[in-house]
C-alpha cells in the first residue's frame, strides 16, 4: 500500500515544520502592537482606612 511508505510523507512533514519554524515566527514577532504598556512605577499607592459612617 503506497500510503504506508514513509519516504515521501516524512519529507513533507520535515519540510512543513522547517517552514513553520523558520518563516512564520519572525513574521509574527515583527508585528507592532499599538498599545504599548507604560509602567507606572514600582511604588505602591497609599491606601487609607475605610471610615464607617454608621459606626
N, C-alpha and C. Protein backbone atom coordinates (compact mmCIF):
# COMPACT_ATOMS: atom_id res chain seq x y z
N UNK A 1 0.84 -1.18 0.00
CA UNK A 1 0.00 0.00 0.00
C UNK A 1 0.89 1.25 0.00
N UNK A 2 0.66 2.16 -0.91
CA UNK A 2 1.55 3.32 -1.03
C UNK A 2 1.45 4.30 0.14
N UNK A 3 0.30 4.38 0.81
CA UNK A 3 0.19 5.34 1.89
C UNK A 3 0.99 4.94 3.12
N UNK A 4 1.47 3.71 3.19
CA UNK A 4 2.27 3.26 4.32
C UNK A 4 3.76 3.45 4.08
N UNK A 5 4.13 3.88 2.88
CA UNK A 5 5.53 4.15 2.59
C UNK A 5 5.89 5.51 3.19
N UNK A 6 6.76 5.57 4.23
CA UNK A 6 7.02 6.83 4.91
C UNK A 6 7.96 7.78 4.16
N UNK A 7 8.53 7.34 3.08
CA UNK A 7 9.55 8.16 2.42
C UNK A 7 9.02 9.52 1.95
N UNK A 8 7.97 9.62 1.14
CA UNK A 8 7.55 10.96 0.70
C UNK A 8 6.88 11.76 1.82
N UNK A 9 6.14 11.09 2.70
CA UNK A 9 5.39 11.81 3.73
C UNK A 9 6.31 12.37 4.80
N UNK A 10 7.36 11.67 5.11
CA UNK A 10 8.29 12.16 6.11
C UNK A 10 9.01 13.41 5.60
N UNK A 11 9.35 13.44 4.33
CA UNK A 11 9.99 14.63 3.75
C UNK A 11 9.03 15.82 3.77
N UNK A 12 7.76 15.56 3.48
CA UNK A 12 6.76 16.64 3.51
C UNK A 12 6.58 17.15 4.93
N UNK A 13 6.56 16.25 5.91
CA UNK A 13 6.43 16.64 7.30
C UNK A 13 7.61 17.49 7.76
N UNK A 14 8.81 17.06 7.42
CA UNK A 14 10.01 17.82 7.82
C UNK A 14 10.05 19.17 7.12
N UNK A 15 9.71 19.22 5.87
CA UNK A 15 9.71 20.48 5.13
C UNK A 15 8.67 21.45 5.69
N UNK A 16 7.49 20.94 6.01
CA UNK A 16 6.46 21.84 6.55
C UNK A 16 6.85 22.37 7.92
N UNK A 17 7.47 21.55 8.78
CA UNK A 17 7.92 22.04 10.09
C UNK A 17 9.08 23.01 9.94
N UNK A 18 9.93 22.79 8.97
CA UNK A 18 11.02 23.73 8.71
C UNK A 18 10.46 25.10 8.33
N UNK A 19 9.43 25.10 7.50
CA UNK A 19 8.80 26.36 7.10
C UNK A 19 8.14 27.02 8.31
N UNK A 20 7.42 26.23 9.10
CA UNK A 20 6.75 26.79 10.28
C UNK A 20 7.73 27.39 11.26
N UNK A 21 8.88 26.77 11.44
CA UNK A 21 9.83 27.23 12.45
C UNK A 21 10.79 28.30 11.96
N UNK A 22 10.92 28.50 10.66
CA UNK A 22 11.86 29.50 10.16
C UNK A 22 11.20 30.70 9.52
N UNK A 23 10.06 30.55 8.91
CA UNK A 23 9.43 31.65 8.18
C UNK A 23 8.36 32.35 9.02
N UNK A 24 7.52 31.60 9.67
CA UNK A 24 6.37 32.19 10.35
C UNK A 24 6.73 32.92 11.65
N UNK A 25 7.58 32.40 12.56
CA UNK A 25 7.86 33.14 13.80
C UNK A 25 8.43 34.55 13.60
N UNK A 26 9.37 34.78 12.69
CA UNK A 26 9.82 36.18 12.52
C UNK A 26 8.71 37.11 12.03
N UNK A 27 7.79 36.60 11.22
CA UNK A 27 6.67 37.43 10.76
C UNK A 27 5.76 37.79 11.92
N UNK A 28 5.54 36.86 12.83
CA UNK A 28 4.68 37.12 13.97
C UNK A 28 5.38 38.07 14.95
N UNK A 29 6.66 37.87 15.19
CA UNK A 29 7.39 38.70 16.14
C UNK A 29 7.62 40.12 15.61
N UNK A 30 7.49 40.33 14.31
CA UNK A 30 7.70 41.66 13.72
C UNK A 30 6.46 42.54 13.82
N UNK A 31 5.35 41.99 14.32
CA UNK A 31 4.14 42.78 14.44
C UNK A 31 4.33 43.89 15.47
N UNK A 32 3.77 45.04 15.19
CA UNK A 32 3.85 46.18 16.09
C UNK A 32 2.47 46.33 16.74
N UNK A 33 2.47 46.35 18.06
CA UNK A 33 1.23 46.49 18.77
C UNK A 33 1.01 47.97 19.10
N UNK A 34 -0.17 48.52 18.84
CA UNK A 34 -0.38 49.95 19.03
C UNK A 34 -0.45 50.38 20.49
N UNK A 35 -0.82 49.49 21.37
CA UNK A 35 -0.97 49.86 22.78
C UNK A 35 0.22 49.32 23.58
N UNK A 36 1.24 50.13 23.69
CA UNK A 36 2.40 49.74 24.49
C UNK A 36 2.09 49.98 25.96
N UNK A 37 2.58 49.10 26.81
CA UNK A 37 2.36 49.25 28.23
C UNK A 37 3.34 50.26 28.82
N UNK A 38 2.83 51.13 29.66
CA UNK A 38 3.67 52.10 30.35
C UNK A 38 3.70 51.73 31.83
N UNK A 39 4.86 51.39 32.34
CA UNK A 39 4.91 51.09 33.78
C UNK A 39 4.69 52.36 34.59
N UNK A 40 3.83 52.28 35.57
CA UNK A 40 3.51 53.45 36.38
C UNK A 40 4.53 53.67 37.49
N UNK A 41 5.31 52.70 37.77
CA UNK A 41 6.31 52.82 38.82
C UNK A 41 6.24 51.62 39.75
N UNK A 42 7.23 51.51 40.59
CA UNK A 42 7.28 50.38 41.49
C UNK A 42 6.73 50.74 42.86
N UNK A 43 6.39 52.01 43.06
CA UNK A 43 5.87 52.45 44.34
C UNK A 43 4.40 52.09 44.47
N UNK A 44 4.03 51.48 45.61
CA UNK A 44 2.63 51.13 45.82
C UNK A 44 1.86 52.37 46.28
N UNK A 45 0.63 52.51 45.82
CA UNK A 45 -0.16 53.66 46.28
C UNK A 45 -0.56 53.49 47.74
N UNK A 46 -0.62 54.60 48.45
CA UNK A 46 -1.01 54.54 49.84
C UNK A 46 -2.52 54.37 49.93
N UNK A 47 -2.93 53.46 50.79
CA UNK A 47 -4.36 53.24 50.98
C UNK A 47 -4.75 53.76 52.36
N UNK A 48 -5.92 54.35 52.42
CA UNK A 48 -6.42 54.89 53.67
C UNK A 48 -7.43 53.90 54.25
N UNK A 49 -7.54 53.91 55.56
CA UNK A 49 -8.52 53.05 56.22
C UNK A 49 -9.92 53.55 55.89
N UNK A 50 -10.82 52.62 55.77
CA UNK A 50 -12.19 52.96 55.44
C UNK A 50 -12.90 53.36 56.73
N UNK A 51 -13.44 54.57 56.74
CA UNK A 51 -14.16 55.05 57.91
C UNK A 51 -15.63 54.70 57.73
N UNK A 52 -16.16 53.91 58.68
CA UNK A 52 -17.56 53.50 58.58
C UNK A 52 -18.42 54.65 59.11
N UNK A 53 -19.32 55.18 58.30
CA UNK A 53 -20.12 56.33 58.74
C UNK A 53 -21.14 55.97 59.82
N UNK A 54 -21.55 54.74 59.96
CA UNK A 54 -22.57 54.39 60.95
C UNK A 54 -21.98 53.76 62.20
N UNK A 55 -20.70 53.71 62.31
CA UNK A 55 -20.07 53.09 63.48
C UNK A 55 -20.09 54.00 64.66
